[in-house]
Amino acid sequence: MYIEAVTDSSHIEIVEALADEIWKEHFTAIIGKQQVSYMLEKFQSKSAIAEQIRDGFLYFVIRNHNKYAGYMAVQLKGSRLFLSKFYILSAHRGKGLGRRAMAFIEKLAIEKTASMITLTVNRYNSAAIEVYKKLGFVIEESIVQDIGEGFVMDDYRMVKAVI
């Protein structure tokens, strides 16, 4: 497995393509096709990703056997490192990539002197919640955020102390 920083427009296009495939395959059953389309455009389009990077987000792509397997994005918020995106293609799940990618995130958190990693996960995404729990995260609170166009993100905020 290899993790590389997203540094240019060709990387951003790779992230956009990964997001499109992962979100349509995984989230349609959870939040519906319309909300998936809306969220892809609002949060995972090339322009949205470029704007997030300008705003201080760090994006990374995950490669496995020379194939793009997923992506991550983080942002330092005070003493917490917010794990905004953490997605792996279904064909690459169950192979330890998530565990190794999380070790990378934990190391990054330590380098950034963050005391905690936080993330949000859809409260109906039970598979992801279980993975995060196995990785040492606990549910801190339930949050509902209006994201426009009549859609909301109905999430849990999960946290993990960095040692």
C-alpha atoms as a PDB file:
ATOM      1  CA  MET A   1       0.000   0.000   0.000  1.00  0.00           C
ATOM      2  CA  TYR A   2       1.184   3.506  -0.831  1.00  0.00           C
ATOM      3  CA  ILE A   3      -0.344   6.818   0.269  1.00  0.00           C
ATOM      4  CA  GLU A   4       0.397   9.973  -1.674  1.00  0.00           C
ATOM      5  CA  ALA A   5      -0.645  13.588  -1.165  1.00  0.00           C
ATOM      6  CA  VAL A   6      -3.063  15.120  -3.649  1.00  0.00           C
ATOM      7  CA  THR A   7      -1.047  17.979  -5.084  1.00  0.00           C
ATOM      8  CA  ASP A   8      -2.363  18.794  -8.551  1.00  0.00           C
ATOM      9  CA  SER A   9      -5.411  18.721 -10.802  1.00  0.00           C
ATOM     10  CA  SER A  10      -4.700  15.191 -12.079  1.00  0.00           C
ATOM     11  CA  HIS A  11      -4.813  13.912  -8.489  1.00  0.00           C
ATOM     12  CA  ILE A  12      -8.037  15.838  -7.880  1.00  0.00           C
ATOM     13  CA  GLU A  13      -9.593  14.133 -10.916  1.00  0.00           C
ATOM     14  CA  ILE A  14      -8.600  10.754  -9.476  1.00  0.00           C
ATOM     15  CA  VAL A  15     -10.262  11.622  -6.157  1.00  0.00           C
ATOM     16  CA  GLU A  16     -13.403  12.798  -7.957  1.00  0.00           C
ATOM     17  CA  ALA A  17     -13.588   9.505  -9.915  1.00  0.00           C
ATOM     18  CA  LEU A  18     -13.012   7.424  -6.771  1.00  0.00           C
ATOM     19  CA  ALA A  19     -15.701   9.399  -4.907  1.00  0.00           C
ATOM     20  CA  ASP A  20     -18.186   8.913  -7.730  1.00  0.00           C
ATOM     21  CA  GLU A  21     -17.692   5.137  -7.763  1.00  0.00           C
ATOM     22  CA  ILE A  22     -17.574   4.640  -3.985  1.00  0.00           C
ATOM     23  CA  TRP A  23     -20.474   6.943  -3.135  1.00  0.00           C
ATOM     24  CA  LYS A  24     -22.838   5.592  -5.798  1.00  0.00           C
ATOM     25  CA  GLU A  25     -22.056   2.000  -4.861  1.00  0.00           C
ATOM     26  CA  HIS A  26     -22.142   2.389  -1.092  1.00  0.00           C
ATOM     27  CA  PHE A  27     -24.320   5.343  -0.120  1.00  0.00           C
ATOM     28  CA  THR A  28     -27.254   5.071  -2.527  1.00  0.00           C
ATOM     29  CA  ALA A  29     -28.870   2.419  -0.312  1.00  0.00           C
ATOM     30  CA  ILE A  30     -28.325   4.573   2.788  1.00  0.00           C
ATOM     31  CA  ILE A  31     -29.270   8.094   1.678  1.00  0.00           C
ATOM     32  CA  GLY A  32     -30.769   7.663  -1.798  1.00  0.00           C
ATOM     33  CA  LYS A  33     -29.663   8.510  -5.322  1.00  0.00           C
ATOM     34  CA  GLN A  34     -30.698  12.179  -5.209  1.00  0.00           C
ATOM     35  CA  GLN A  35     -28.762  12.982  -2.048  1.00  0.00           C
ATOM     36  CA  VAL A  36     -25.716  11.056  -3.302  1.00  0.00           C
ATOM     37  CA  SER A  37     -25.723  13.102  -6.525  1.00  0.00           C
ATOM     38  CA  TYR A  38     -26.168  16.339  -4.584  1.00  0.00           C
ATOM     39  CA  MET A  39     -23.367  15.538  -2.126  1.00  0.00           C
ATOM     40  CA  LEU A  40     -20.972  14.419  -4.856  1.00  0.00           C
ATOM     41  CA  GLU A  41     -21.423  17.744  -6.628  1.00  0.00           C
ATOM     42  CA  LYS A  42     -21.335  19.854  -3.451  1.00  0.00           C
ATOM     43  CA  PHE A  43     -18.464  18.104  -1.634  1.00  0.00           C
ATOM     44  CA  GLN A  44     -16.599  15.800  -4.034  1.00  0.00           C
ATOM     45  CA  SER A  45     -16.492  17.549  -7.402  1.00  0.00           C
ATOM     46  CA  LYS A  46     -13.162  18.809  -8.753  1.00  0.00           C
ATOM     47  CA  SER A  47     -14.038  22.395  -7.858  1.00  0.00           C
ATOM     48  CA  ALA A  48     -15.216  21.459  -4.337  1.00  0.00           C
ATOM     49  CA  ILE A  49     -12.058  19.431  -3.655  1.00  0.00           C
ATOM     50  CA  ALA A  50      -9.814  22.224  -4.962  1.00  0.00           C
ATOM     51  CA  GLU A  51     -11.638  24.712  -2.716  1.00  0.00           C
ATOM     52  CA  GLN A  52     -11.262  22.419   0.312  1.00  0.00           C
ATOM     53  CA  ILE A  53      -7.523  22.121  -0.360  1.00  0.00           C
ATOM     54  CA  ARG A  54      -7.268  25.941  -0.549  1.00  0.00           C
ATOM     55  CA  ASP A  55      -9.108  26.031   2.810  1.00  0.00           C
ATOM     56  CA  GLY A  56      -6.484  23.821   4.484  1.00  0.00           C
ATOM     57  CA  PHE A  57      -7.723  20.286   3.888  1.00  0.00           C
ATOM     58  CA  LEU A  58      -5.041  17.712   3.099  1.00  0.00           C
ATOM     59  CA  TYR A  59      -6.159  15.053   0.616  1.00  0.00           C
ATOM     60  CA  PHE A  60      -4.416  11.728   0.067  1.00  0.00           C
ATOM     61  CA  VAL A  61      -4.955   8.882  -2.397  1.00  0.00           C
ATOM     62  CA  ILE A  62      -4.369   5.275  -1.422  1.00  0.00           C
ATOM     63  CA  ARG A  63      -2.781   2.927  -3.935  1.00  0.00           C
ATOM     64  CA  ASN A  64      -2.683  -0.840  -3.633  1.00  0.00           C
ATOM     65  CA  HIS A  65      -0.738  -2.921  -6.147  1.00  0.00           C
ATOM     66  CA  ASN A  66      -0.389   0.174  -8.367  1.00  0.00           C
ATOM     67  CA  LYS A  67      -4.158   0.712  -8.504  1.00  0.00           C
ATOM     68  CA  TYR A  68      -6.000   3.548  -6.834  1.00  0.00           C
ATOM     69  CA  ALA A  69      -7.935   1.990  -3.974  1.00  0.00           C
ATOM     70  CA  GLY A  70      -9.316   4.944  -2.006  1.00  0.00           C
ATOM     71  CA  TYR A  71      -8.778   8.395  -0.619  1.00  0.00           C
ATOM     72  CA  MET A  72      -8.727  10.386   2.619  1.00  0.00           C
ATOM     73  CA  ALA A  73      -8.914  14.033   3.628  1.00  0.00           C
ATOM     74  CA  VAL A  74      -8.102  15.707   6.932  1.00  0.00           C
ATOM     75  CA  GLN A  75      -8.174  19.190   8.402  1.00  0.00           C
ATOM     76  CA  LEU A  76      -6.572  20.400  11.611  1.00  0.00           C
ATOM     77  CA  LYS A  77      -9.164  22.085  13.841  1.00  0.00           C
ATOM     78  CA  GLY A  78      -7.473  23.315  16.991  1.00  0.00           C
ATOM     79  CA  SER A  79      -6.193  20.308  18.911  1.00  0.00           C
ATOM     80  CA  ARG A  80      -8.273  17.891  16.832  1.00  0.00           C
ATOM     81  CA  LEU A  81      -7.519  16.394  13.446  1.00  0.00           C
ATOM     82  CA  PHE A  82     -10.818  16.103  11.586  1.00  0.00           C
ATOM     83  CA  LEU A  83     -10.921  13.054   9.308  1.00  0.00           C
ATOM     84  CA  SER A  84     -13.313  14.435   6.723  1.00  0.00           C
ATOM     85  CA  LYS A  85     -13.024  11.671   4.128  1.00  0.00           C
ATOM     86  CA  PHE A  86     -11.989   8.037   4.536  1.00  0.00           C
ATOM     87  CA  TYR A  87     -13.114   5.842   1.646  1.00  0.00           C
ATOM     88  CA  ILE A  88     -11.870   2.608   0.114  1.00  0.00           C
ATOM     89  CA  LEU A  89     -13.233   0.937  -3.020  1.00  0.00           C
ATOM     90  CA  SER A  90     -15.244  -2.199  -2.243  1.00  0.00           C
ATOM     91  CA  ALA A  91     -12.799  -4.419  -4.189  1.00  0.00           C
ATOM     92  CA  HIS A  92     -10.009  -3.364  -1.816  1.00  0.00           C
ATOM     93  CA  ARG A  93     -11.886  -3.633   1.488  1.00  0.00           C
ATOM     94  CA  GLY A  94     -11.109  -6.354   4.003  1.00  0.00           C
ATOM     95  CA  LYS A  95      -7.401  -6.383   3.085  1.00  0.00           C
ATOM     96  CA  GLY A  96      -6.045  -4.271   5.925  1.00  0.00           C
ATOM     97  CA  LEU A  97      -5.838  -1.038   3.916  1.00  0.00           C
ATOM     98  CA  GLY A  98      -8.131   0.815   6.301  1.00  0.00           C
ATOM     99  CA  ARG A  99      -6.069  -0.184   9.317  1.00  0.00           C
ATOM    100  CA  ARG A 100      -2.820   0.886   7.628  1.00  0.00           C
ATOM    101  CA  ALA A 101      -4.376   4.112   6.341  1.00  0.00           C
ATOM    102  CA  MET A 102      -5.598   4.906   9.855  1.00  0.00           C
ATOM    103  CA  ALA A 103      -2.060   4.365  11.185  1.00  0.00           C
ATOM    104  CA  PHE A 104      -0.941   6.972   8.636  1.00  0.00           C
ATOM    105  CA  ILE A 105      -3.651   9.368   9.896  1.00  0.00           C
ATOM    106  CA  GLU A 106      -2.633   8.772  13.515  1.00  0.00           C
ATOM    107  CA  LYS A 107       1.005   9.531  12.680  1.00  0.00           C
ATOM    108  CA  LEU A 108      -0.111  12.683  10.875  1.00  0.00           C
ATOM    109  CA  ALA A 109      -2.172  13.715  13.915  1.00  0.00           C
ATOM    110  CA  ILE A 110       0.887  13.340  16.140  1.00  0.00           C
ATOM    111  CA  GLU A 111       2.996  15.371  13.687  1.00  0.00           C
ATOM    112  CA  LYS A 112       0.327  18.111  13.766  1.00  0.00           C
ATOM    113  CA  THR A 113       0.253  17.895  17.612  1.00  0.00           C
ATOM    114  CA  ALA A 114      -3.417  16.944  17.613  1.00  0.00           C
ATOM    115  CA  SER A 115      -4.613  15.172  20.745  1.00  0.00           C
ATOM    116  CA  MET A 116      -7.654  13.637  19.092  1.00  0.00           C
ATOM    117  CA  ILE A 117      -8.945  12.456  15.712  1.00  0.00           C
ATOM    118  CA  THR A 118     -12.613  13.175  14.994  1.00  0.00           C
ATOM    119  CA  LEU A 119     -14.869  12.102  12.163  1.00  0.00           C
ATOM    120  CA  THR A 120     -18.511  12.053  11.219  1.00  0.00           C
ATOM    121  CA  VAL A 121     -20.266   8.975   9.904  1.00  0.00           C
ATOM    122  CA  ASN A 122     -23.843   8.496   8.773  1.00  0.00           C
ATOM    123  CA  ARG A 123     -25.648   6.935  11.723  1.00  0.00           C
ATOM    124  CA  TYR A 124     -27.202   4.304   9.412  1.00  0.00           C
ATOM    125  CA  ASN A 125     -23.823   3.282   7.979  1.00  0.00           C
ATOM    126  CA  SER A 126     -23.471   0.401  10.434  1.00  0.00           C
ATOM    127  CA  ALA A 127     -20.587  -1.293   8.600  1.00  0.00           C
ATOM    128  CA  ALA A 128     -18.426   1.830   8.766  1.00  0.00           C
ATOM    129  CA  ILE A 129     -19.367   2.471  12.392  1.00  0.00           C
ATOM    130  CA  GLU A 130     -18.194  -1.027  13.317  1.00  0.00           C
ATOM    131  CA  VAL A 131     -14.918  -0.519  11.439  1.00  0.00           C
ATOM    132  CA  TYR A 132     -14.313   2.760  13.258  1.00  0.00           C
ATOM    133  CA  LYS A 133     -15.049   1.112  16.603  1.00  0.00           C
ATOM    134  CA  LYS A 134     -12.517  -1.634  15.805  1.00  0.00           C
ATOM    135  CA  LEU A 135     -10.025   1.126  15.018  1.00  0.00           C
ATOM    136  CA  GLY A 136     -10.556   2.604  18.487  1.00  0.00           C
ATOM    137  CA  PHE A 137     -13.151   5.314  17.863  1.00  0.00           C
ATOM    138  CA  VAL A 138     -16.109   5.932  20.160  1.00  0.00           C
ATOM    139  CA  ILE A 139     -19.321   7.825  19.516  1.00  0.00           C
ATOM    140  CA  GLU A 140     -19.152  11.302  21.035  1.00  0.00           C
ATOM    141  CA  GLU A 141     -22.535  12.631  19.909  1.00  0.00           C
ATOM    142  CA  SER A 142     -25.308  12.483  17.346  1.00  0.00           C
ATOM    143  CA  ILE A 143     -25.509  15.484  14.992  1.00  0.00           C
ATOM    144  CA  VAL A 144     -27.836  16.558  12.192  1.00  0.00           C
ATOM    145  CA  GLN A 145     -26.536  19.143   9.723  1.00  0.00           C
ATOM    146  CA  ASP A 146     -28.595  20.891   7.055  1.00  0.00           C
ATOM    147  CA  ILE A 147     -26.583  20.768   3.811  1.00  0.00           C
ATOM    148  CA  GLY A 148     -29.093  22.548   1.594  1.00  0.00           C
ATOM    149  CA  GLU A 149     -31.675  21.564  -1.031  1.00  0.00           C
ATOM    150  CA  GLY A 150     -33.745  19.876   1.688  1.00  0.00           C
ATOM    151  CA  PHE A 151     -30.995  17.364   2.555  1.00  0.00           C
ATOM    152  CA  VAL A 152     -29.386  16.706   5.924  1.00  0.00           C
ATOM    153  CA  MET A 153     -26.439  14.711   7.153  1.00  0.00           C
ATOM    154  CA  ASP A 154     -27.672  12.552  10.030  1.00  0.00           C
ATOM    155  CA  ASP A 155     -24.387  11.542  11.613  1.00  0.00           C
ATOM    156  CA  TYR A 156     -22.510  10.396  14.643  1.00  0.00           C
ATOM    157  CA  ARG A 157     -19.369  12.271  15.598  1.00  0.00           C
ATOM    158  CA  MET A 158     -16.779   9.706  16.593  1.00  0.00           C
ATOM    159  CA  VAL A 159     -13.501  10.428  18.356  1.00  0.00           C
ATOM    160  CA  LYS A 160     -10.237   8.700  19.119  1.00  0.00           C
ATOM    161  CA  ALA A 161      -7.511   9.949  21.434  1.00  0.00           C
ATOM    162  CA  VAL A 162      -4.058  10.051  19.871  1.00  0.00           C
ATOM    163  CA  ILE A 163      -1.383   8.429  21.985  1.00  0.00           C
END
